[in-house]
Amino acid sequence: MVAASKGYIELISEILSKDAWVNNVDSDSRIALHYAIDNKAENLDVVNLLIEHGSDVNQATINDGHTPLMMAVLRGHKHIVKIFVDLGVRLDAIECNNNNTALHLACLNGERDIVEMLATE
């Protein structure tokens, strides 16, 4: 998970080649995909690699119910949001704190491009 959060694509690739479980969770049910997204940098290569290896694109965290899509929205990662939309992830998932969907979060954060992506689906 640390490698995912740091964007270390070579290390992640090596770990996955050893049959590591891509959906291993921490105490908040965050998986490596959550960590790869929850960064300033938009780690597209890491996100794509984790998805290719079967990462659960709809995995929600325990504390706030954030899915990887919601994390991408909150970070303003337009390209990652596009990947998730193209994959057909759950757009209607609701976070625990304020009962918001990814579209609500995009509106609240002023992410116009992301709002347009999510609203047209």
PDB file of N, CA and C in Angstrom:
ATOM      1  N   MET A   1       0.816  -1.188   0.000  1.00  0.00           N
ATOM      2  CA  MET A   1       0.000   0.000   0.000  1.00  0.00           C
ATOM      3  C   MET A   1       0.864   1.258   0.000  1.00  0.00           C
ATOM      4  N   VAL A   2       1.995   1.188   0.681  1.00  0.00           N
ATOM      5  CA  VAL A   2       2.916   2.329   0.696  1.00  0.00           C
ATOM      6  C   VAL A   2       3.454   2.569  -0.708  1.00  0.00           C
ATOM      7  N   ALA A   3       3.815   1.498  -1.398  1.00  0.00           N
ATOM      8  CA  ALA A   3       4.322   1.640  -2.766  1.00  0.00           C
ATOM      9  C   ALA A   3       3.279   2.296  -3.664  1.00  0.00           C
ATOM     10  N   ALA A   4       2.015   1.936  -3.478  1.00  0.00           N
ATOM     11  CA  ALA A   4       0.937   2.536  -4.275  1.00  0.00           C
ATOM     12  C   ALA A   4       0.796   4.015  -3.952  1.00  0.00           C
ATOM     13  N   SER A   5       0.878   4.356  -2.672  1.00  0.00           N
ATOM     14  CA  SER A   5       0.718   5.763  -2.279  1.00  0.00           C
ATOM     15  C   SER A   5       1.866   6.626  -2.778  1.00  0.00           C
ATOM     16  N   LYS A   6       3.029   6.024  -2.964  1.00  0.00           N
ATOM     17  CA  LYS A   6       4.196   6.768  -3.447  1.00  0.00           C
ATOM     18  C   LYS A   6       4.331   6.730  -4.968  1.00  0.00           C
ATOM     19  N   GLY A   7       3.522   5.904  -5.622  1.00  0.00           N
ATOM     20  CA  GLY A   7       3.581   5.818  -7.080  1.00  0.00           C
ATOM     21  C   GLY A   7       4.740   5.004  -7.601  1.00  0.00           C
ATOM     22  N   TYR A   8       5.253   4.067  -6.814  1.00  0.00           N
ATOM     23  CA  TYR A   8       6.401   3.250  -7.212  1.00  0.00           C
ATOM     24  C   TYR A   8       5.943   2.110  -8.123  1.00  0.00           C
ATOM     25  N   ILE A   9       5.763   2.408  -9.384  1.00  0.00           N
ATOM     26  CA  ILE A   9       5.196   1.467 -10.351  1.00  0.00           C
ATOM     27  C   ILE A   9       6.034   0.198 -10.482  1.00  0.00           C
ATOM     28  N   GLU A  10       7.365   0.323 -10.510  1.00  0.00           N
ATOM     29  CA  GLU A  10       8.216  -0.859 -10.660  1.00  0.00           C
ATOM     30  C   GLU A  10       8.072  -1.797  -9.467  1.00  0.00           C
ATOM     31  N   LEU A  11       8.038  -1.241  -8.282  1.00  0.00           N
ATOM     32  CA  LEU A  11       7.897  -2.042  -7.070  1.00  0.00           C
ATOM     33  C   LEU A  11       6.519  -2.705  -7.020  1.00  0.00           C
ATOM     34  N   ILE A  12       5.500  -1.974  -7.376  1.00  0.00           N
ATOM     35  CA  ILE A  12       4.141  -2.537  -7.399  1.00  0.00           C
ATOM     36  C   ILE A  12       4.064  -3.675  -8.406  1.00  0.00           C
ATOM     37  N   SER A  13       4.645  -3.470  -9.568  1.00  0.00           N
ATOM     38  CA  SER A  13       4.661  -4.505 -10.593  1.00  0.00           C
ATOM     39  C   SER A  13       5.360  -5.757 -10.085  1.00  0.00           C
ATOM     40  N   GLU A  14       6.479  -5.581  -9.407  1.00  0.00           N
ATOM     41  CA  GLU A  14       7.230  -6.710  -8.843  1.00  0.00           C
ATOM     42  C   GLU A  14       6.405  -7.435  -7.780  1.00  0.00           C
ATOM     43  N   ILE A  15       5.773  -6.678  -6.909  1.00  0.00           N
ATOM     44  CA  ILE A  15       4.947  -7.275  -5.849  1.00  0.00           C
ATOM     45  C   ILE A  15       3.790  -8.062  -6.459  1.00  0.00           C
ATOM     46  N   LEU A  16       3.144  -7.492  -7.453  1.00  0.00           N
ATOM     47  CA  LEU A  16       2.017  -8.170  -8.093  1.00  0.00           C
ATOM     48  C   LEU A  16       2.460  -9.415  -8.862  1.00  0.00           C
ATOM     49  N   SER A  17       3.684  -9.401  -9.368  1.00  0.00           N
ATOM     50  CA  SER A  17       4.189 -10.578 -10.081  1.00  0.00           C
ATOM     51  C   SER A  17       4.414 -11.759  -9.145  1.00  0.00           C
ATOM     52  N   LYS A  18       4.476 -11.487  -7.851  1.00  0.00           N
ATOM     53  CA  LYS A  18       4.657 -12.539  -6.839  1.00  0.00           C
ATOM     54  C   LYS A  18       3.304 -13.015  -6.296  1.00  0.00           C
ATOM     55  N   ASP A  19       2.241 -12.759  -7.045  1.00  0.00           N
ATOM     56  CA  ASP A  19       0.875 -13.164  -6.689  1.00  0.00           C
ATOM     57  C   ASP A  19       0.367 -12.525  -5.401  1.00  0.00           C
ATOM     58  N   ALA A  20       0.761 -11.285  -5.146  1.00  0.00           N
ATOM     59  CA  ALA A  20       0.225 -10.554  -3.994  1.00  0.00           C
ATOM     60  C   ALA A  20      -1.254 -10.289  -4.224  1.00  0.00           C
ATOM     61  N   TRP A  21      -2.006 -10.278  -3.155  1.00  0.00           N
ATOM     62  CA  TRP A  21      -3.446 -10.041  -3.254  1.00  0.00           C
ATOM     63  C   TRP A  21      -3.701  -8.549  -3.399  1.00  0.00           C
ATOM     64  N   VAL A  22      -4.174  -8.132  -4.541  1.00  0.00           N
ATOM     65  CA  VAL A  22      -4.344  -6.725  -4.877  1.00  0.00           C
ATOM     66  C   VAL A  22      -5.433  -6.058  -4.032  1.00  0.00           C
ATOM     67  N   ASN A  23      -6.340  -6.845  -3.458  1.00  0.00           N
ATOM     68  CA  ASN A  23      -7.443  -6.284  -2.676  1.00  0.00           C
ATOM     69  C   ASN A  23      -7.266  -6.463  -1.172  1.00  0.00           C
ATOM     70  N   ASN A  24      -6.029  -6.589  -0.725  1.00  0.00           N
ATOM     71  CA  ASN A  24      -5.753  -6.650   0.711  1.00  0.00           C
ATOM     72  C   ASN A  24      -6.175  -5.319   1.339  1.00  0.00           C
ATOM     73  N   VAL A  25      -6.858  -5.371   2.495  1.00  0.00           N
ATOM     74  CA  VAL A  25      -7.384  -4.154   3.112  1.00  0.00           C
ATOM     75  C   VAL A  25      -6.630  -3.792   4.387  1.00  0.00           C
ATOM     76  N   ASP A  26      -6.647  -2.503   4.700  1.00  0.00           N
ATOM     77  CA  ASP A  26      -6.114  -2.042   5.983  1.00  0.00           C
ATOM     78  C   ASP A  26      -7.273  -1.970   6.982  1.00  0.00           C
ATOM     79  N   SER A  27      -7.061  -1.365   8.133  1.00  0.00           N
ATOM     80  CA  SER A  27      -8.096  -1.318   9.172  1.00  0.00           C
ATOM     81  C   SER A  27      -9.321  -0.500   8.778  1.00  0.00           C
ATOM     82  N   ASP A  28      -9.206   0.334   7.735  1.00  0.00           N
ATOM     83  CA  ASP A  28     -10.328   1.136   7.236  1.00  0.00           C
ATOM     84  C   ASP A  28     -10.906   0.549   5.949  1.00  0.00           C
ATOM     85  N   SER A  29     -10.486  -0.645   5.593  1.00  0.00           N
ATOM     86  CA  SER A  29     -10.888  -1.310   4.339  1.00  0.00           C
ATOM     87  C   SER A  29     -10.397  -0.582   3.096  1.00  0.00           C
ATOM     88  N   ARG A  30      -9.348   0.205   3.251  1.00  0.00           N
ATOM     89  CA  ARG A  30      -8.714   0.820   2.075  1.00  0.00           C
ATOM     90  C   ARG A  30      -7.808  -0.213   1.436  1.00  0.00           C
ATOM     91  N   ILE A  31      -7.836  -0.246   0.113  1.00  0.00           N
ATOM     92  CA  ILE A  31      -6.958  -1.125  -0.650  1.00  0.00           C
ATOM     93  C   ILE A  31      -5.899  -0.273  -1.342  1.00  0.00           C
ATOM     94  N   ALA A  32      -4.962  -0.916  -1.994  1.00  0.00           N
ATOM     95  CA  ALA A  32      -3.876  -0.186  -2.662  1.00  0.00           C
ATOM     96  C   ALA A  32      -4.416   0.852  -3.638  1.00  0.00           C
ATOM     97  N   LEU A  33      -5.537   0.559  -4.277  1.00  0.00           N
ATOM     98  CA  LEU A  33      -6.121   1.511  -5.230  1.00  0.00           C
ATOM     99  C   LEU A  33      -6.493   2.821  -4.543  1.00  0.00           C
ATOM    100  N   HIS A  34      -7.057   2.757  -3.350  1.00  0.00           N
ATOM    101  CA  HIS A  34      -7.352   3.977  -2.599  1.00  0.00           C
ATOM    102  C   HIS A  34      -6.078   4.788  -2.367  1.00  0.00           C
ATOM    103  N   TYR A  35      -5.023   4.096  -1.953  1.00  0.00           N
ATOM    104  CA  TYR A  35      -3.766   4.778  -1.669  1.00  0.00           C
ATOM    105  C   TYR A  35      -3.146   5.390  -2.930  1.00  0.00           C
ATOM    106  N   ALA A  36      -3.277   4.711  -4.037  1.00  0.00           N
ATOM    107  CA  ALA A  36      -2.727   5.237  -5.293  1.00  0.00           C
ATOM    108  C   ALA A  36      -3.439   6.524  -5.716  1.00  0.00           C
ATOM    109  N   ILE A  37      -4.719   6.618  -5.402  1.00  0.00           N
ATOM    110  CA  ILE A  37      -5.519   7.780  -5.807  1.00  0.00           C
ATOM    111  C   ILE A  37      -5.392   8.933  -4.827  1.00  0.00           C
ATOM    112  N   ASP A  38      -5.257   8.643  -3.553  1.00  0.00           N
ATOM    113  CA  ASP A  38      -5.275   9.665  -2.510  1.00  0.00           C
ATOM    114  C   ASP A  38      -3.935  10.385  -2.423  1.00  0.00           C
ATOM    115  N   ASN A  39      -3.585  11.068  -3.520  1.00  0.00           N
ATOM    116  CA  ASN A  39      -2.315  11.781  -3.679  1.00  0.00           C
ATOM    117  C   ASN A  39      -2.522  13.056  -4.471  1.00  0.00           C
ATOM    118  N   LYS A  40      -1.565  13.945  -4.372  1.00  0.00           N
ATOM    119  CA  LYS A  40      -1.597  15.134  -5.228  1.00  0.00           C
ATOM    120  C   LYS A  40      -1.387  14.728  -6.681  1.00  0.00           C
ATOM    121  N   ALA A  41      -0.490  13.763  -6.877  1.00  0.00           N
ATOM    122  CA  ALA A  41      -0.185  13.300  -8.234  1.00  0.00           C
ATOM    123  C   ALA A  41      -1.262  12.339  -8.720  1.00  0.00           C
ATOM    124  N   GLU A  42      -1.564  12.431  -9.981  1.00  0.00           N
ATOM    125  CA  GLU A  42      -2.543  11.528 -10.589  1.00  0.00           C
ATOM    126  C   GLU A  42      -1.779  10.325 -11.132  1.00  0.00           C
ATOM    127  N   ASN A  43      -1.627   9.299 -10.322  1.00  0.00           N
ATOM    128  CA  ASN A  43      -0.819   8.125 -10.651  1.00  0.00           C
ATOM    129  C   ASN A  43      -1.545   7.180 -11.605  1.00  0.00           C
ATOM    130  N   LEU A  44      -1.722   7.619 -12.832  1.00  0.00           N
ATOM    131  CA  LEU A  44      -2.481   6.822 -13.810  1.00  0.00           C
ATOM    132  C   LEU A  44      -1.864   5.456 -14.058  1.00  0.00           C
ATOM    133  N   ASP A  45      -0.538   5.396 -14.146  1.00  0.00           N
ATOM    134  CA  ASP A  45       0.105   4.115 -14.412  1.00  0.00           C
ATOM    135  C   ASP A  45      -0.137   3.130 -13.277  1.00  0.00           C
ATOM    136  N   VAL A  46      -0.060   3.593 -12.045  1.00  0.00           N
ATOM    137  CA  VAL A  46      -0.300   2.730 -10.890  1.00  0.00           C
ATOM    138  C   VAL A  46      -1.761   2.299 -10.844  1.00  0.00           C
ATOM    139  N   VAL A  47      -2.663   3.242 -11.038  1.00  0.00           N
ATOM    140  CA  VAL A  47      -4.097   2.937 -11.030  1.00  0.00           C
ATOM    141  C   VAL A  47      -4.430   1.902 -12.094  1.00  0.00           C
ATOM    142  N   ASN A  48      -3.936   2.110 -13.299  1.00  0.00           N
ATOM    143  CA  ASN A  48      -4.208   1.157 -14.384  1.00  0.00           C
ATOM    144  C   ASN A  48      -3.647  -0.226 -14.074  1.00  0.00           C
ATOM    145  N   LEU A  49      -2.443  -0.286 -13.528  1.00  0.00           N
ATOM    146  CA  LEU A  49      -1.834  -1.569 -13.190  1.00  0.00           C
ATOM    147  C   LEU A  49      -2.653  -2.298 -12.133  1.00  0.00           C
ATOM    148  N   LEU A  50      -3.083  -1.593 -11.103  1.00  0.00           N
ATOM    149  CA  LEU A  50      -3.887  -2.218 -10.052  1.00  0.00           C
ATOM    150  C   LEU A  50      -5.221  -2.717 -10.596  1.00  0.00           C
ATOM    151  N   ILE A  51      -5.832  -1.942 -11.468  1.00  0.00           N
ATOM    152  CA  ILE A  51      -7.107  -2.353 -12.081  1.00  0.00           C
ATOM    153  C   ILE A  51      -6.893  -3.587 -12.953  1.00  0.00           C
ATOM    154  N   GLU A  52      -5.825  -3.595 -13.737  1.00  0.00           N
ATOM    155  CA  GLU A  52      -5.510  -4.752 -14.586  1.00  0.00           C
ATOM    156  C   GLU A  52      -5.332  -6.025 -13.777  1.00  0.00           C
ATOM    157  N   HIS A  53      -4.883  -5.878 -12.533  1.00  0.00           N
ATOM    158  CA  HIS A  53      -4.667  -7.042 -11.673  1.00  0.00           C
ATOM    159  C   HIS A  53      -5.879  -7.356 -10.789  1.00  0.00           C
ATOM    160  N   GLY A  54      -7.016  -6.747 -11.100  1.00  0.00           N
ATOM    161  CA  GLY A  54      -8.256  -7.119 -10.426  1.00  0.00           C
ATOM    162  C   GLY A  54      -8.628  -6.312  -9.204  1.00  0.00           C
ATOM    163  N   SER A  55      -8.073  -5.131  -9.067  1.00  0.00           N
ATOM    164  CA  SER A  55      -8.425  -4.296  -7.923  1.00  0.00           C
ATOM    165  C   SER A  55      -9.923  -3.996  -7.923  1.00  0.00           C
ATOM    166  N   ASP A  56     -10.536  -4.037  -6.743  1.00  0.00           N
ATOM    167  CA  ASP A  56     -11.974  -3.807  -6.593  1.00  0.00           C
ATOM    168  C   ASP A  56     -12.268  -2.318  -6.729  1.00  0.00           C
ATOM    169  N   VAL A  57     -12.756  -1.916  -7.881  1.00  0.00           N
ATOM    170  CA  VAL A  57     -12.985  -0.500  -8.174  1.00  0.00           C
ATOM    171  C   VAL A  57     -14.165   0.088  -7.409  1.00  0.00           C
ATOM    172  N   ASN A  58     -14.933  -0.750  -6.738  1.00  0.00           N
ATOM    173  CA  ASN A  58     -16.071  -0.267  -5.962  1.00  0.00           C
ATOM    174  C   ASN A  58     -15.886  -0.432  -4.449  1.00  0.00           C
ATOM    175  N   GLN A  59     -14.689  -0.783  -4.005  1.00  0.00           N
ATOM    176  CA  GLN A  59     -14.412  -1.004  -2.579  1.00  0.00           C
ATOM    177  C   GLN A  59     -14.614   0.288  -1.785  1.00  0.00           C
ATOM    178  N   ALA A  60     -15.491   0.254  -0.799  1.00  0.00           N
ATOM    179  CA  ALA A  60     -15.739   1.422   0.045  1.00  0.00           C
ATOM    180  C   ALA A  60     -14.967   1.294   1.359  1.00  0.00           C
ATOM    181  N   THR A  61     -14.507   2.425   1.854  1.00  0.00           N
ATOM    182  CA  THR A  61     -13.818   2.434   3.139  1.00  0.00           C
ATOM    183  C   THR A  61     -14.848   2.331   4.267  1.00  0.00           C
ATOM    184  N   ILE A  62     -14.398   1.931   5.440  1.00  0.00           N
ATOM    185  CA  ILE A  62     -15.302   1.770   6.579  1.00  0.00           C
ATOM    186  C   ILE A  62     -15.688   3.120   7.190  1.00  0.00           C
ATOM    187  N   ASN A  63     -14.705   3.970   7.442  1.00  0.00           N
ATOM    188  CA  ASN A  63     -14.964   5.217   8.174  1.00  0.00           C
ATOM    189  C   ASN A  63     -15.867   6.200   7.446  1.00  0.00           C
ATOM    190  N   ASP A  64     -15.669   6.352   6.144  1.00  0.00           N
ATOM    191  CA  ASP A  64     -16.462   7.349   5.428  1.00  0.00           C
ATOM    192  C   ASP A  64     -17.201   6.798   4.206  1.00  0.00           C
ATOM    193  N   GLY A  65     -16.973   5.553   3.882  1.00  0.00           N
ATOM    194  CA  GLY A  65     -17.663   4.950   2.749  1.00  0.00           C
ATOM    195  C   GLY A  65     -17.171   5.420   1.395  1.00  0.00           C
ATOM    196  N   HIS A  66     -15.963   5.973   1.349  1.00  0.00           N
ATOM    197  CA  HIS A  66     -15.438   6.471   0.077  1.00  0.00           C
ATOM    198  C   HIS A  66     -14.977   5.331  -0.825  1.00  0.00           C
ATOM    199  N   THR A  67     -15.468   5.356  -2.043  1.00  0.00           N
ATOM    200  CA  THR A  67     -15.014   4.438  -3.078  1.00  0.00           C
ATOM    201  C   THR A  67     -13.808   5.068  -3.769  1.00  0.00           C
ATOM    202  N   PRO A  68     -13.070   4.297  -4.556  1.00  0.00           N
ATOM    203  CA  PRO A  68     -11.978   4.903  -5.320  1.00  0.00           C
ATOM    204  C   PRO A  68     -12.459   6.063  -6.209  1.00  0.00           C
ATOM    205  N   LEU A  69     -13.651   5.943  -6.780  1.00  0.00           N
ATOM    206  CA  LEU A  69     -14.193   7.042  -7.587  1.00  0.00           C
ATOM    207  C   LEU A  69     -14.344   8.298  -6.745  1.00  0.00           C
ATOM    208  N   MET A  70     -14.903   8.171  -5.562  1.00  0.00           N
ATOM    209  CA  MET A  70     -15.081   9.341  -4.692  1.00  0.00           C
ATOM    210  C   MET A  70     -13.747   9.970  -4.335  1.00  0.00           C
ATOM    211  N   MET A  71     -12.746   9.137  -4.073  1.00  0.00           N
ATOM    212  CA  MET A  71     -11.415   9.679  -3.763  1.00  0.00           C
ATOM    213  C   MET A  71     -10.846  10.432  -4.960  1.00  0.00           C
ATOM    214  N   ALA A  72     -11.038   9.887  -6.141  1.00  0.00           N
ATOM    215  CA  ALA A  72     -10.550  10.562  -7.349  1.00  0.00           C
ATOM    216  C   ALA A  72     -11.256  11.904  -7.533  1.00  0.00           C
ATOM    217  N   VAL A  73     -12.555  11.933  -7.273  1.00  0.00           N
ATOM    218  CA  VAL A  73     -13.318  13.182  -7.362  1.00  0.00           C
ATOM    219  C   VAL A  73     -12.787  14.190  -6.354  1.00  0.00           C
ATOM    220  N   LEU A  74     -12.618  13.765  -5.107  1.00  0.00           N
ATOM    221  CA  LEU A  74     -12.157  14.671  -4.053  1.00  0.00           C
ATOM    222  C   LEU A  74     -10.759  15.211  -4.331  1.00  0.00           C
ATOM    223  N   ARG A  75      -9.939  14.438  -5.022  1.00  0.00           N
ATOM    224  CA  ARG A  75      -8.588  14.882  -5.381  1.00  0.00           C
ATOM    225  C   ARG A  75      -8.557  15.643  -6.709  1.00  0.00           C
ATOM    226  N   GLY A  76      -9.684  15.680  -7.424  1.00  0.00           N
ATOM    227  CA  GLY A  76      -9.731  16.385  -8.706  1.00  0.00           C
ATOM    228  C   GLY A  76      -9.012  15.659  -9.825  1.00  0.00           C
ATOM    229  N   HIS A  77      -8.891  14.343  -9.713  1.00  0.00           N
ATOM    230  CA  HIS A  77      -8.181  13.535 -10.706  1.00  0.00           C
ATOM    231  C   HIS A  77      -9.120  13.172 -11.872  1.00  0.00           C
ATOM    232  N   LYS A  78      -9.218  14.073 -12.822  1.00  0.00           N
ATOM    233  CA  LYS A  78     -10.154  13.922 -13.944  1.00  0.00           C
ATOM    234  C   LYS A  78      -9.903  12.658 -14.775  1.00  0.00           C
ATOM    235  N   HIS A  79      -8.640  12.364 -15.015  1.00  0.00           N
ATOM    236  CA  HIS A  79      -8.328  11.202 -15.858  1.00  0.00           C
ATOM    237  C   HIS A  79      -8.698   9.894 -15.166  1.00  0.00           C
ATOM    238  N   ILE A  80      -8.497   9.840 -13.863  1.00  0.00           N
ATOM    239  CA  ILE A  80      -8.871   8.635 -13.123  1.00  0.00           C
ATOM    240  C   ILE A  80     -10.390   8.499 -13.072  1.00  0.00           C
ATOM    241  N   VAL A  81     -11.081   9.605 -12.875  1.00  0.00           N
ATOM    242  CA  VAL A  81     -12.550   9.570 -12.905  1.00  0.00           C
ATOM    243  C   VAL A  81     -13.020   9.025 -14.244  1.00  0.00           C
ATOM    244  N   LYS A  82     -12.411   9.482 -15.322  1.00  0.00           N
ATOM    245  CA  LYS A  82     -12.778   9.013 -16.668  1.00  0.00           C
ATOM    246  C   LYS A  82     -12.577   7.506 -16.793  1.00  0.00           C
ATOM    247  N   ILE A  83     -11.474   7.008 -16.259  1.00  0.00           N
ATOM    248  CA  ILE A  83     -11.219   5.562 -16.288  1.00  0.00           C
ATOM    249  C   ILE A  83     -12.344   4.820 -15.584  1.00  0.00           C
ATOM    250  N   PHE A  84     -12.717   5.299 -14.398  1.00  0.00           N
ATOM    251  CA  PHE A  84     -13.773   4.640 -13.635  1.00  0.00           C
ATOM    252  C   PHE A  84     -15.121   4.699 -14.349  1.00  0.00           C
ATOM    253  N   VAL A  85     -15.435   5.846 -14.933  1.00  0.00           N
ATOM    254  CA  VAL A  85     -16.693   5.977 -15.673  1.00  0.00           C
ATOM    255  C   VAL A  85     -16.708   4.996 -16.840  1.00  0.00           C
ATOM    256  N   ASP A  86     -15.601   4.918 -17.565  1.00  0.00           N
ATOM    257  CA  ASP A  86     -15.505   3.993 -18.698  1.00  0.00           C
ATOM    258  C   ASP A  86     -15.622   2.530 -18.261  1.00  0.00           C
ATOM    259  N   LEU A  87     -15.145   2.238 -17.042  1.00  0.00           N
ATOM    260  CA  LEU A  87     -15.241   0.873 -16.511  1.00  0.00           C
ATOM    261  C   LEU A  87     -16.648   0.539 -16.030  1.00  0.00           C
ATOM    262  N   GLY A  88     -17.469   1.556 -15.840  1.00  0.00           N
ATOM    263  CA  GLY A  88     -18.828   1.328 -15.368  1.00  0.00           C
ATOM    264  C   GLY A  88     -18.933   1.120 -13.865  1.00  0.00           C
ATOM    265  N   VAL A  89     -18.065   1.785 -13.091  1.00  0.00           N
ATOM    266  CA  VAL A  89     -18.142   1.653 -11.639  1.00  0.00           C
ATOM    267  C   VAL A  89     -19.466   2.202 -11.132  1.00  0.00           C
ATOM    268  N   ARG A  90     -19.795   1.849  -9.894  1.00  0.00           N
ATOM    269  CA  ARG A  90     -21.040   2.333  -9.279  1.00  0.00           C
ATOM    270  C   ARG A  90     -20.965   3.838  -9.099  1.00  0.00           C
ATOM    271  N   LEU A  91     -21.843   4.558  -9.771  1.00  0.00           N
ATOM    272  CA  LEU A  91     -21.911   6.007  -9.630  1.00  0.00           C
ATOM    273  C   LEU A  91     -22.860   6.404  -8.512  1.00  0.00           C
ATOM    274  N   ASP A  92     -23.689   5.462  -8.078  1.00  0.00           N
ATOM    275  CA  ASP A  92     -24.706   5.768  -7.069  1.00  0.00           C
ATOM    276  C   ASP A  92     -24.282   5.398  -5.651  1.00  0.00           C
ATOM    277  N   ALA A  93     -23.044   4.998  -5.456  1.00  0.00           N
ATOM    278  CA  ALA A  93     -22.563   4.685  -4.109  1.00  0.00           C
ATOM    279  C   ALA A  93     -22.644   5.948  -3.255  1.00  0.00           C
ATOM    280  N   ILE A  94     -23.013   5.764  -1.986  1.00  0.00           N
ATOM    281  CA  ILE A  94     -23.216   6.897  -1.083  1.00  0.00           C
ATOM    282  C   ILE A  94     -22.215   6.823   0.064  1.00  0.00           C
ATOM    283  N   GLU A  95     -21.537   7.947   0.317  1.00  0.00           N
ATOM    284  CA  GLU A  95     -20.606   8.008   1.433  1.00  0.00           C
ATOM    285  C   GLU A  95     -21.367   8.068   2.746  1.00  0.00           C
ATOM    286  N   CYS A  96     -20.706   7.699   3.830  1.00  0.00           N
ATOM    287  CA  CYS A  96     -21.359   7.588   5.141  1.00  0.00           C
ATOM    288  C   CYS A  96     -21.621   8.924   5.824  1.00  0.00           C
ATOM    289  N   ASN A  97     -20.745   9.872   5.682  1.00  0.00           N
ATOM    290  CA  ASN A  97     -20.818  11.100   6.474  1.00  0.00           C
ATOM    291  C   ASN A  97     -21.988  12.007   6.118  1.00  0.00           C
ATOM    292  N   ASN A  98     -22.178  12.269   4.841  1.00  0.00           N
ATOM    293  CA  ASN A  98     -23.211  13.228   4.426  1.00  0.00           C
ATOM    294  C   ASN A  98     -24.142  12.687   3.350  1.00  0.00           C
ATOM    295  N   ASN A  99     -24.099  11.393   3.126  1.00  0.00           N
ATOM    296  CA  ASN A  99     -24.942  10.745   2.117  1.00  0.00           C
ATOM    297  C   ASN A  99     -24.758  11.327   0.720  1.00  0.00           C
ATOM    298  N   ASN A 100     -23.509  11.660   0.385  1.00  0.00           N
ATOM    299  CA  ASN A 100     -23.201  12.195  -0.938  1.00  0.00           C
ATOM    300  C   ASN A 100     -22.762  11.096  -1.888  1.00  0.00           C
ATOM    301  N   THR A 101     -23.095  11.269  -3.150  1.00  0.00           N
ATOM    302  CA  THR A 101     -22.556  10.425  -4.212  1.00  0.00           C
ATOM    303  C   THR A 101     -21.320  11.131  -4.774  1.00  0.00           C
ATOM    304  N   ALA A 102     -20.643  10.485  -5.692  1.00  0.00           N
ATOM    305  CA  ALA A 102     -19.480  11.107  -6.335  1.00  0.00           C
ATOM    306  C   ALA A 102     -19.886  12.406  -7.046  1.00  0.00           C
ATOM    307  N   LEU A 103     -21.074  12.409  -7.646  1.00  0.00           N
ATOM    308  CA  LEU A 103     -21.553  13.620  -8.328  1.00  0.00           C
ATOM    309  C   LEU A 103     -21.749  14.757  -7.331  1.00  0.00           C
ATOM    310  N   HIS A 104     -22.334  14.465  -6.184  1.00  0.00           N
ATOM    311  CA  HIS A 104     -22.498  15.497  -5.154  1.00  0.00           C
ATOM    312  C   HIS A 104     -21.141  16.056  -4.728  1.00  0.00           C
ATOM    313  N   LEU A 105     -20.182  15.167  -4.515  1.00  0.00           N
ATOM    314  CA  LEU A 105     -18.847  15.602  -4.089  1.00  0.00           C
ATOM    315  C   LEU A 105     -18.188  16.488  -5.144  1.00  0.00           C
ATOM    316  N   ALA A 106     -18.372  16.127  -6.405  1.00  0.00           N
ATOM    317  CA  ALA A 106     -17.805  16.937  -7.489  1.00  0.00           C
ATOM    318  C   ALA A 106     -18.437  18.332  -7.502  1.00  0.00           C
ATOM    319  N   CYS A 107     -19.746  18.396  -7.305  1.00  0.00           N
ATOM    320  CA  CYS A 107     -20.433  19.690  -7.254  1.00  0.00           C
ATOM    321  C   CYS A 107     -19.936  20.523  -6.076  1.00  0.00           C
ATOM    322  N   LEU A 108     -19.861  19.895  -4.909  1.00  0.00           N
ATOM    323  CA  LEU A 108     -19.419  20.602  -3.698  1.00  0.00           C
ATOM    324  C   LEU A 108     -17.998  21.132  -3.823  1.00  0.00           C
ATOM    325  N   ASN A 109     -17.158  20.437  -4.586  1.00  0.00           N
ATOM    326  CA  ASN A 109     -15.759  20.844  -4.743  1.00  0.00           C
ATOM    327  C   ASN A 109     -15.513  21.688  -5.986  1.00  0.00           C
ATOM    328  N   GLY A 110     -16.557  22.021  -6.720  1.00  0.00           N
ATOM    329  CA  GLY A 110     -16.407  22.883  -7.888  1.00  0.00           C
ATOM    330  C   GLY A 110     -15.657  22.241  -9.042  1.00  0.00           C
ATOM    331  N   GLU A 111     -15.763  20.923  -9.150  1.00  0.00           N
ATOM    332  CA  GLU A 111     -15.072  20.188 -10.222  1.00  0.00           C
ATOM    333  C   GLU A 111     -15.983  20.082 -11.448  1.00  0.00           C
ATOM    334  N   ARG A 112     -16.068  21.163 -12.203  1.00  0.00           N
ATOM    335  CA  ARG A 112     -17.006  21.251 -13.317  1.00  0.00           C
ATOM    336  C   ARG A 112     -16.821  20.143 -14.363  1.00  0.00           C
ATOM    337  N   ASP A 113     -15.579  19.885 -14.762  1.00  0.00           N
ATOM    338  CA  ASP A 113     -15.324  18.847 -15.772  1.00  0.00           C
ATOM    339  C   ASP A 113     -15.780  17.478 -15.276  1.00  0.00           C
ATOM    340  N   ILE A 114     -15.519  17.225 -14.005  1.00  0.00           N
ATOM    341  CA  ILE A 114     -15.923  15.939 -13.431  1.00  0.00           C
ATOM    342  C   ILE A 114     -17.438  15.868 -13.299  1.00  0.00           C
ATOM    343  N   VAL A 115     -18.077  16.973 -12.925  1.00  0.00           N
ATOM    344  CA  VAL A 115     -19.538  17.015 -12.844  1.00  0.00           C
ATOM    345  C   VAL A 115     -20.130  16.664 -14.205  1.00  0.00           C
ATOM    346  N   GLU A 116     -19.595  17.245 -15.254  1.00  0.00           N
ATOM    347  CA  GLU A 116     -20.103  16.965 -16.601  1.00  0.00           C
ATOM    348  C   GLU A 116     -19.928  15.498 -16.960  1.00  0.00           C
ATOM    349  N   MET A 117     -18.785  14.910 -16.600  1.00  0.00           N
ATOM    350  CA  MET A 117     -18.545  13.485 -16.870  1.00  0.00           C
ATOM    351  C   MET A 117     -19.566  12.616 -16.157  1.00  0.00           C
ATOM    352  N   LEU A 118     -19.772  12.897 -14.887  1.00  0.00           N
ATOM    353  CA  LEU A 118     -20.641  12.055 -14.073  1.00  0.00           C
ATOM    354  C   LEU A 118     -22.113  12.283 -14.396  1.00  0.00           C
ATOM    355  N   ALA A 119     -22.477  13.506 -14.730  1.00  0.00           N
ATOM    356  CA  ALA A 119     -23.887  13.832 -14.994  1.00  0.00           C
ATOM    357  C   ALA A 119     -24.370  13.276 -16.316  1.00  0.00           C
ATOM    358  N   THR A 120     -23.445  13.014 -17.224  1.00  0.00           N
ATOM    359  CA  THR A 120     -23.858  12.496 -18.538  1.00  0.00           C
ATOM    360  C   THR A 120     -23.943  10.977 -18.558  1.00  0.00           C
ATOM    361  N   GLU A 121     -23.602  10.339 -17.474  1.00  0.00           N
ATOM    362  CA  GLU A 121     -23.664   8.872 -17.414  1.00  0.00           C
ATOM    363  C   GLU A 121     -25.002   8.412 -16.892  1.00  0.00           C
TER     364      GLU A 121
END
